[in-house]
């Protein structure tokens, strides 16, 4: 009977060992898949690192250009102030001219003429008009450079507005990209941590399984099938191997 038990134990060893190998292979295959994920996560981390560098570059450029923008706005403000001062200097002359023009127009003069001859009574009016025309020419000459400067400053203001809009868009893009990066980094960390935990779990399971198999083989007496007195040891072998091969716990 003992010889029969030993023979039976060795007879089931081959299929039992086959099932263990299949289980080890299955776990190893799953483990390899998680190793592949680890490589993917590393590649994603490199991409995120490059993206972080781009975001930092864009932010630094924004900070630098914003400082330039503020300086240019300040310079433009100074030019506008100076232009206003020069216009203020000319304003009394312009006001005086406007008053004289109004007075001139309010006292129109028409000479009395007969047979093609006029009495010259409106000579003062004609002279006054000539003086007003000369004064207007002088004022126009004085205002000409100020008008050109006004047009230039308006162009500068338009360009500064465009630059300001561009800087504002860059700031918004940096803010959005940074928020997206933080979210992606958090997701990557969570996924990587979960993957590493699964790798550890599978490695422990694989090592335990391989360790149980080694323990199983170490408990197989070489003379089990030859010596009936080893029946107890053969039973011990079955208990050890059964854990890995048929789920006995």
C-alpha atoms as a PDB file:
ATOM      1  CA  UNK A   1       0.000   0.000   0.000  1.00  0.00           C
ATOM      2  CA  UNK A   2       2.798   2.386   0.845  1.00  0.00           C
ATOM      3  CA  UNK A   3       4.548   1.592  -2.419  1.00  0.00           C
ATOM      4  CA  UNK A   4       1.314   2.352  -4.234  1.00  0.00           C
ATOM      5  CA  UNK A   5       0.988   5.704  -2.403  1.00  0.00           C
ATOM      6  CA  UNK A   6       4.551   6.652  -3.309  1.00  0.00           C
ATOM      7  CA  UNK A   7       3.983   5.676  -6.921  1.00  0.00           C
ATOM      8  CA  UNK A   8       0.825   7.739  -7.043  1.00  0.00           C
ATOM      9  CA  UNK A   9       2.600  10.750  -5.580  1.00  0.00           C
ATOM     10  CA  UNK A  10       5.311  10.623  -8.222  1.00  0.00           C
ATOM     11  CA  UNK A  11       2.738   9.940 -10.899  1.00  0.00           C
ATOM     12  CA  UNK A  12       0.988  13.249 -10.184  1.00  0.00           C
ATOM     13  CA  UNK A  13       4.275  15.182  -9.903  1.00  0.00           C
ATOM     14  CA  UNK A  14       4.596  15.783 -13.654  1.00  0.00           C
ATOM     15  CA  UNK A  15       1.159  17.440 -14.164  1.00  0.00           C
ATOM     16  CA  UNK A  16       1.558  19.297 -10.875  1.00  0.00           C
ATOM     17  CA  UNK A  17       4.929  20.688 -11.954  1.00  0.00           C
ATOM     18  CA  UNK A  18       3.428  21.625 -15.301  1.00  0.00           C
ATOM     19  CA  UNK A  19       0.684  23.630 -13.647  1.00  0.00           C
ATOM     20  CA  UNK A  20       3.251  25.421 -11.488  1.00  0.00           C
ATOM     21  CA  UNK A  21       5.326  26.314 -14.528  1.00  0.00           C
ATOM     22  CA  UNK A  22       2.209  27.660 -16.248  1.00  0.00           C
ATOM     23  CA  UNK A  23       1.392  29.748 -13.207  1.00  0.00           C
ATOM     24  CA  UNK A  24       4.939  31.121 -13.022  1.00  0.00           C
ATOM     25  CA  UNK A  25       4.875  31.864 -16.737  1.00  0.00           C
ATOM     26  CA  UNK A  26       1.542  33.650 -16.395  1.00  0.00           C
ATOM     27  CA  UNK A  27       2.782  35.809 -13.532  1.00  0.00           C
ATOM     28  CA  UNK A  28       6.035  36.548 -15.346  1.00  0.00           C
ATOM     29  CA  UNK A  29       4.088  37.582 -18.436  1.00  0.00           C
ATOM     30  CA  UNK A  30       1.954  39.930 -16.345  1.00  0.00           C
ATOM     31  CA  UNK A  31       5.072  41.264 -14.637  1.00  0.00           C
ATOM     32  CA  UNK A  32       6.713  41.949 -17.988  1.00  0.00           C
ATOM     33  CA  UNK A  33       3.650  43.937 -19.030  1.00  0.00           C
ATOM     34  CA  UNK A  34       4.066  46.139 -15.961  1.00  0.00           C
ATOM     35  CA  UNK A  35       7.777  46.528 -16.721  1.00  0.00           C
ATOM     36  CA  UNK A  36       6.739  47.755 -20.169  1.00  0.00           C
ATOM     37  CA  UNK A  37       4.393  50.245 -18.499  1.00  0.00           C
ATOM     38  CA  UNK A  38       7.314  51.421 -16.377  1.00  0.00           C
ATOM     39  CA  UNK A  39       9.252  52.158 -19.567  1.00  0.00           C
ATOM     40  CA  UNK A  40       6.226  54.018 -20.965  1.00  0.00           C
ATOM     41  CA  UNK A  41       5.974  56.060 -17.786  1.00  0.00           C
ATOM     42  CA  UNK A  42       9.677  56.924 -18.043  1.00  0.00           C
ATOM     43  CA  UNK A  43       9.123  58.107 -21.616  1.00  0.00           C
ATOM     44  CA  UNK A  44       6.132  60.166 -20.497  1.00  0.00           C
ATOM     45  CA  UNK A  45       8.218  61.683 -17.712  1.00  0.00           C
ATOM     46  CA  UNK A  46      10.830  62.752 -20.244  1.00  0.00           C
ATOM     47  CA  UNK A  47       8.103  64.383 -22.325  1.00  0.00           C
ATOM     48  CA  UNK A  48       6.752  66.183 -19.269  1.00  0.00           C
ATOM     49  CA  UNK A  49      10.243  67.302 -18.324  1.00  0.00           C
ATOM     50  CA  UNK A  50      10.708  68.785 -21.790  1.00  0.00           C
ATOM     51  CA  UNK A  51       7.284  70.434 -21.532  1.00  0.00           C
ATOM     52  CA  UNK A  52       8.201  71.884 -18.153  1.00  0.00           C
ATOM     53  CA  UNK A  53      11.331  73.351 -19.724  1.00  0.00           C
ATOM     54  CA  UNK A  54       9.231  74.925 -22.487  1.00  0.00           C
ATOM     55  CA  UNK A  55       6.797  76.382 -19.944  1.00  0.00           C
ATOM     56  CA  UNK A  56       9.666  77.787 -17.886  1.00  0.00           C
ATOM     57  CA  UNK A  57      11.233  79.294 -21.003  1.00  0.00           C
ATOM     58  CA  UNK A  58       7.923  80.898 -21.995  1.00  0.00           C
ATOM     59  CA  UNK A  59       7.418  82.235 -18.469  1.00  0.00           C
ATOM     60  CA  UNK A  60      10.939  83.688 -18.301  1.00  0.00           C
ATOM     61  CA  UNK A  61      10.447  85.300 -21.714  1.00  0.00           C
ATOM     62  CA  UNK A  62       7.141  86.743 -20.522  1.00  0.00           C
ATOM     63  CA  UNK A  63       8.752  88.179 -17.397  1.00  0.00           C
ATOM     64  CA  UNK A  64      11.607  89.695 -19.413  1.00  0.00           C
ATOM     65  CA  UNK A  65       9.379  91.124 -22.128  1.00  0.00           C
ATOM     66  CA  UNK A  66       6.872  92.409 -19.588  1.00  0.00           C
ATOM     67  CA  UNK A  67       9.655  94.450 -18.011  1.00  0.00           C
ATOM     68  CA  UNK A  68      10.542  95.833 -21.444  1.00  0.00           C
ATOM     69  CA  UNK A  69       6.866  96.577 -22.073  1.00  0.00           C
ATOM     70  CA  UNK A  70       6.550  98.472 -18.815  1.00  0.00           C
ATOM     71  CA  UNK A  71       9.683 100.465 -19.628  1.00  0.00           C
ATOM     72  CA  UNK A  72       8.356 101.311 -23.092  1.00  0.00           C
ATOM     73  CA  UNK A  73       4.991 102.296 -21.647  1.00  0.00           C
ATOM     74  CA  UNK A  74       6.791 104.580 -19.236  1.00  0.00           C
ATOM     75  CA  UNK A  75       8.847 106.086 -22.048  1.00  0.00           C
ATOM     76  CA  UNK A  76       5.725 106.652 -24.133  1.00  0.00           C
ATOM     77  CA  UNK A  77       4.006 108.241 -21.184  1.00  0.00           C
ATOM     78  CA  UNK A  78       6.920 110.668 -20.848  1.00  0.00           C
ATOM     79  CA  UNK A  79       6.733 111.536 -24.538  1.00  0.00           C
ATOM     80  CA  UNK A  80       2.993 112.134 -24.310  1.00  0.00           C
ATOM     81  CA  UNK A  81       3.518 114.366 -21.296  1.00  0.00           C
ATOM     82  CA  UNK A  82       6.177 116.388 -23.098  1.00  0.00           C
ATOM     83  CA  UNK A  83       3.963 116.683 -26.164  1.00  0.00           C
ATOM     84  CA  UNK A  84       1.184 117.963 -23.948  1.00  0.00           C
ATOM     85  CA  UNK A  85       3.554 120.539 -22.456  1.00  0.00           C
ATOM     86  CA  UNK A  86       4.525 121.813 -25.897  1.00  0.00           C
ATOM     87  CA  UNK A  87       0.876 122.031 -26.919  1.00  0.00           C
ATOM     88  CA  UNK A  88       0.152 123.967 -23.737  1.00  0.00           C
ATOM     89  CA  UNK A  89       2.887 126.450 -24.672  1.00  0.00           C
ATOM     90  CA  UNK A  90       1.224 127.072 -28.019  1.00  0.00           C
ATOM     91  CA  UNK A  91      -2.312 127.176 -26.689  1.00  0.00           C
ATOM     92  CA  UNK A  92      -2.328 130.894 -25.677  1.00  0.00           C
ATOM     93  CA  UNK A  93      -1.215 131.878 -29.172  1.00  0.00           C
ATOM     94  CA  UNK A  94      -3.850 129.597 -30.692  1.00  0.00           C
ATOM     95  CA  UNK A  95      -6.567 130.971 -28.408  1.00  0.00           C
ATOM     96  CA  UNK A  96      -5.558 134.524 -29.257  1.00  0.00           C
ATOM     97  CA  UNK A  97      -5.647 133.711 -32.950  1.00  0.00           C
ATOM     98  CA  UNK A  98      -9.106 132.160 -32.666  1.00  0.00           C
ATOM     99  CA  UNK A  99     -10.383 135.283 -30.857  1.00  0.00           C
ATOM    100  CA  UNK A 100      -8.967 137.580 -33.528  1.00  0.00           C
ATOM    101  CA  UNK A 101     -10.485 135.447 -36.290  1.00  0.00           C
ATOM    102  CA  UNK A 102     -13.875 135.579 -34.581  1.00  0.00           C
ATOM    103  CA  UNK A 103     -13.610 139.354 -34.158  1.00  0.00           C
ATOM    104  CA  UNK A 104     -12.512 139.765 -37.760  1.00  0.00           C
ATOM    105  CA  UNK A 105     -15.419 137.706 -39.012  1.00  0.00           C
ATOM    106  CA  UNK A 106     -17.816 139.593 -36.741  1.00  0.00           C
ATOM    107  CA  UNK A 107     -16.915 142.954 -38.291  1.00  0.00           C
ATOM    108  CA  UNK A 108     -16.998 142.380 -41.977  1.00  0.00           C
ATOM    109  CA  UNK A 109     -16.329 145.379 -44.152  1.00  0.00           C
ATOM    110  CA  UNK A 110     -17.574 146.091 -47.633  1.00  0.00           C
ATOM    111  CA  UNK A 111     -16.036 149.014 -49.519  1.00  0.00           C
ATOM    112  CA  UNK A 112     -18.124 151.385 -51.485  1.00  0.00           C
ATOM    113  CA  UNK A 113     -17.238 151.182 -55.105  1.00  0.00           C
ATOM    114  CA  UNK A 114     -18.384 153.267 -58.089  1.00  0.00           C
ATOM    115  CA  UNK A 115     -17.394 152.983 -61.721  1.00  0.00           C
ATOM    116  CA  UNK A 116     -14.820 150.356 -60.792  1.00  0.00           C
ATOM    117  CA  UNK A 117     -13.216 152.492 -58.121  1.00  0.00           C
ATOM    118  CA  UNK A 118     -13.463 151.664 -54.384  1.00  0.00           C
ATOM    119  CA  UNK A 119     -13.075 154.148 -51.593  1.00  0.00           C
ATOM    120  CA  UNK A 120     -10.519 152.048 -49.667  1.00  0.00           C
ATOM    121  CA  UNK A 121     -12.528 152.179 -46.503  1.00  0.00           C
ATOM    122  CA  UNK A 122     -11.937 148.457 -45.856  1.00  0.00           C
ATOM    123  CA  UNK A 123      -8.185 148.573 -46.188  1.00  0.00           C
ATOM    124  CA  UNK A 124      -7.884 147.791 -42.485  1.00  0.00           C
ATOM    125  CA  UNK A 125     -10.047 144.696 -42.954  1.00  0.00           C
ATOM    126  CA  UNK A 126      -7.920 143.486 -45.811  1.00  0.00           C
ATOM    127  CA  UNK A 127      -4.736 144.102 -43.858  1.00  0.00           C
ATOM    128  CA  UNK A 128      -6.155 142.363 -40.834  1.00  0.00           C
ATOM    129  CA  UNK A 129      -7.036 139.345 -42.951  1.00  0.00           C
ATOM    130  CA  UNK A 130      -3.541 139.277 -44.407  1.00  0.00           C
ATOM    131  CA  UNK A 131      -2.065 139.368 -40.883  1.00  0.00           C
ATOM    132  CA  UNK A 132      -4.377 136.576 -39.753  1.00  0.00           C
ATOM    133  CA  UNK A 133      -3.330 134.483 -42.720  1.00  0.00           C
ATOM    134  CA  UNK A 134       0.334 135.071 -41.863  1.00  0.00           C
ATOM    135  CA  UNK A 135      -0.275 134.192 -38.190  1.00  0.00           C
ATOM    136  CA  UNK A 136      -2.154 131.058 -39.188  1.00  0.00           C
ATOM    137  CA  UNK A 137       0.808 129.983 -41.330  1.00  0.00           C
ATOM    138  CA  UNK A 138       3.135 130.498 -38.355  1.00  0.00           C
ATOM    139  CA  UNK A 139       0.863 128.486 -36.067  1.00  0.00           C
ATOM    140  CA  UNK A 140       0.607 125.704 -38.621  1.00  0.00           C
ATOM    141  CA  UNK A 141       4.405 125.631 -38.864  1.00  0.00           C
ATOM    142  CA  UNK A 142       4.666 125.508 -35.068  1.00  0.00           C
ATOM    143  CA  UNK A 143       2.090 122.738 -34.803  1.00  0.00           C
ATOM    144  CA  UNK A 144       3.409 120.679 -37.724  1.00  0.00           C
ATOM    145  CA  UNK A 145       6.159 118.844 -35.742  1.00  0.00           C
ATOM    146  CA  UNK A 146       3.744 118.347 -32.856  1.00  0.00           C
ATOM    147  CA  UNK A 147       1.189 116.825 -35.210  1.00  0.00           C
ATOM    148  CA  UNK A 148       3.851 114.491 -36.625  1.00  0.00           C
ATOM    149  CA  UNK A 149       4.884 113.532 -33.124  1.00  0.00           C
ATOM    150  CA  UNK A 150       1.259 112.931 -32.189  1.00  0.00           C
ATOM    151  CA  UNK A 151       0.894 110.526 -35.138  1.00  0.00           C
ATOM    152  CA  UNK A 152       4.132 108.750 -34.163  1.00  0.00           C
ATOM    153  CA  UNK A 153       3.035 108.393 -30.550  1.00  0.00           C
ATOM    154  CA  UNK A 154      -0.324 107.038 -31.667  1.00  0.00           C
ATOM    155  CA  UNK A 155       1.501 104.389 -33.723  1.00  0.00           C
ATOM    156  CA  UNK A 156       3.690 103.562 -30.737  1.00  0.00           C
ATOM    157  CA  UNK A 157       0.602 103.270 -28.554  1.00  0.00           C
ATOM    158  CA  UNK A 158      -1.033 100.949 -31.084  1.00  0.00           C
ATOM    159  CA  UNK A 159       2.055  98.739 -31.162  1.00  0.00           C
ATOM    160  CA  UNK A 160       2.310  98.712 -27.378  1.00  0.00           C
ATOM    161  CA  UNK A 161      -1.342  97.677 -27.180  1.00  0.00           C
ATOM    162  CA  UNK A 162      -0.638  94.780 -29.559  1.00  0.00           C
ATOM    163  CA  UNK A 163       2.425  93.795 -27.548  1.00  0.00           C
ATOM    164  CA  UNK A 164       0.379  94.003 -24.374  1.00  0.00           C
ATOM    165  CA  UNK A 165      -2.305  91.745 -25.839  1.00  0.00           C
ATOM    166  CA  UNK A 166       0.358  89.266 -26.945  1.00  0.00           C
ATOM    167  CA  UNK A 167       1.977  89.257 -23.510  1.00  0.00           C
ATOM    168  CA  UNK A 168      -1.403  88.759 -21.891  1.00  0.00           C
ATOM    169  CA  UNK A 169      -2.054  85.786 -24.175  1.00  0.00           C
ATOM    170  CA  UNK A 170       1.370  84.331 -23.342  1.00  0.00           C
ATOM    171  CA  UNK A 171       0.608  84.728 -19.641  1.00  0.00           C
ATOM    172  CA  UNK A 172      -2.714  82.923 -20.063  1.00  0.00           C
ATOM    173  CA  UNK A 173      -1.048  80.159 -22.088  1.00  0.00           C
ATOM    174  CA  UNK A 174       1.646  79.695 -19.455  1.00  0.00           C
ATOM    175  CA  UNK A 175      -0.995  79.534 -16.727  1.00  0.00           C
ATOM    176  CA  UNK A 176      -3.034  76.964 -18.687  1.00  0.00           C
ATOM    177  CA  UNK A 177       0.020  74.908 -19.658  1.00  0.00           C
ATOM    178  CA  UNK A 178       1.280  74.902 -16.067  1.00  0.00           C
ATOM    179  CA  UNK A 179      -2.113  73.753 -14.765  1.00  0.00           C
ATOM    180  CA  UNK A 180      -2.289  70.998 -17.402  1.00  0.00           C
ATOM    181  CA  UNK A 181       1.283  69.973 -16.604  1.00  0.00           C
ATOM    182  CA  UNK A 182       0.568  69.707 -12.894  1.00  0.00           C
ATOM    183  CA  UNK A 183      -2.488  67.579 -13.611  1.00  0.00           C
ATOM    184  CA  UNK A 184      -0.551  65.333 -16.003  1.00  0.00           C
ATOM    185  CA  UNK A 185       2.311  64.993 -13.523  1.00  0.00           C
ATOM    186  CA  UNK A 186      -0.101  64.065 -10.735  1.00  0.00           C
ATOM    187  CA  UNK A 187      -1.795  61.486 -12.960  1.00  0.00           C
ATOM    188  CA  UNK A 188       1.570  60.081 -13.990  1.00  0.00           C
ATOM    189  CA  UNK A 189       2.692  59.776 -10.374  1.00  0.00           C
ATOM    190  CA  UNK A 190      -0.528  58.029  -9.375  1.00  0.00           C
ATOM    191  CA  UNK A 191      -0.300  55.615 -12.315  1.00  0.00           C
ATOM    192  CA  UNK A 192       3.388  54.980 -11.746  1.00  0.00           C
ATOM    193  CA  UNK A 193       2.905  54.376  -8.022  1.00  0.00           C
ATOM    194  CA  UNK A 194       0.086  51.944  -8.744  1.00  0.00           C
ATOM    195  CA  UNK A 195       2.217  50.186 -11.353  1.00  0.00           C
ATOM    196  CA  UNK A 196       5.203  49.942  -9.006  1.00  0.00           C
ATOM    197  CA  UNK A 197       2.962  48.551  -6.282  1.00  0.00           C
ATOM    198  CA  UNK A 198       1.685  45.923  -8.711  1.00  0.00           C
ATOM    199  CA  UNK A 199       5.244  45.066  -9.764  1.00  0.00           C
ATOM    200  CA  UNK A 200       6.200  44.584  -6.131  1.00  0.00           C
ATOM    201  CA  UNK A 201       3.115  42.457  -5.525  1.00  0.00           C
ATOM    202  CA  UNK A 202       3.827  40.239  -8.518  1.00  0.00           C
ATOM    203  CA  UNK A 203       7.530  39.938  -7.689  1.00  0.00           C
ATOM    204  CA  UNK A 204       6.692  38.861  -4.161  1.00  0.00           C
ATOM    205  CA  UNK A 205       4.114  36.422  -5.472  1.00  0.00           C
ATOM    206  CA  UNK A 206       6.560  35.046  -8.031  1.00  0.00           C
ATOM    207  CA  UNK A 207       9.370  34.737  -5.530  1.00  0.00           C
ATOM    208  CA  UNK A 208       7.037  33.078  -3.061  1.00  0.00           C
ATOM    209  CA  UNK A 209       5.807  30.653  -5.670  1.00  0.00           C
ATOM    210  CA  UNK A 210       9.320  29.774  -6.750  1.00  0.00           C
ATOM    211  CA  UNK A 211      10.351  29.479  -3.148  1.00  0.00           C
ATOM    212  CA  UNK A 212       7.435  27.105  -2.454  1.00  0.00           C
ATOM    213  CA  UNK A 213       8.428  24.973  -5.424  1.00  0.00           C
ATOM    214  CA  UNK A 214      11.994  24.756  -4.172  1.00  0.00           C
ATOM    215  CA  UNK A 215      10.645  23.831  -0.768  1.00  0.00           C
ATOM    216  CA  UNK A 216       8.459  21.212  -2.415  1.00  0.00           C
ATOM    217  CA  UNK A 217      11.326  19.622  -4.323  1.00  0.00           C
ATOM    218  CA  UNK A 218      13.552  19.656  -1.268  1.00  0.00           C
ATOM    219  CA  UNK A 219      10.962  17.607   0.593  1.00  0.00           C
ATOM    220  CA  UNK A 220      10.843  14.777  -1.980  1.00  0.00           C
ATOM    221  CA  UNK A 221      12.724  11.875  -0.433  1.00  0.00           C
ATOM    222  CA  UNK A 222      14.885  10.175  -3.043  1.00  0.00           C
ATOM    223  CA  UNK A 223      13.808   6.773  -1.752  1.00  0.00           C
ATOM    224  CA  UNK A 224      10.143   7.614  -1.340  1.00  0.00           C
ATOM    225  CA  UNK A 225       8.957   5.078  -3.895  1.00  0.00           C
ATOM    226  CA  UNK A 226      11.358   2.442  -2.724  1.00  0.00           C
ATOM    227  CA  UNK A 227      10.971   2.480   1.040  1.00  0.00           C
ATOM    228  CA  UNK A 228       7.467   2.088   2.496  1.00  0.00           C
ATOM    229  CA  UNK A 229       8.727   3.402   5.818  1.00  0.00           C
ATOM    230  CA  UNK A 230       8.976   6.863   4.226  1.00  0.00           C
ATOM    231  CA  UNK A 231       5.231   7.196   3.892  1.00  0.00           C
ATOM    232  CA  UNK A 232       5.092  10.093   6.357  1.00  0.00           C
ATOM    233  CA  UNK A 233       7.729  12.023   4.384  1.00  0.00           C
ATOM    234  CA  UNK A 234       5.843  11.414   1.168  1.00  0.00           C
ATOM    235  CA  UNK A 235       2.752  12.880   2.806  1.00  0.00           C
ATOM    236  CA  UNK A 236       4.849  15.919   3.853  1.00  0.00           C
ATOM    237  CA  UNK A 237       5.923  16.340   0.231  1.00  0.00           C
ATOM    238  CA  UNK A 238       2.303  16.308  -0.896  1.00  0.00           C
ATOM    239  CA  UNK A 239       1.392  18.954   1.680  1.00  0.00           C
ATOM    240  CA  UNK A 240       4.227  21.226   0.570  1.00  0.00           C
ATOM    241  CA  UNK A 241       3.636  20.818  -3.149  1.00  0.00           C
ATOM    242  CA  UNK A 242      -0.100  21.032  -2.893  1.00  0.00           C
ATOM    243  CA  UNK A 243       0.098  24.677  -1.850  1.00  0.00           C
ATOM    244  CA  UNK A 244       1.556  25.690  -5.198  1.00  0.00           C
ATOM    245  CA  UNK A 245      -0.027  23.185  -7.513  1.00  0.00           C
ATOM    246  CA  UNK A 246      -3.580  22.503  -6.434  1.00  0.00           C
ATOM    247  CA  UNK A 247      -4.352  25.411  -4.116  1.00  0.00           C
ATOM    248  CA  UNK A 248      -4.343  23.450  -0.814  1.00  0.00           C
ATOM    249  CA  UNK A 249      -3.675  25.830   2.019  1.00  0.00           C
END
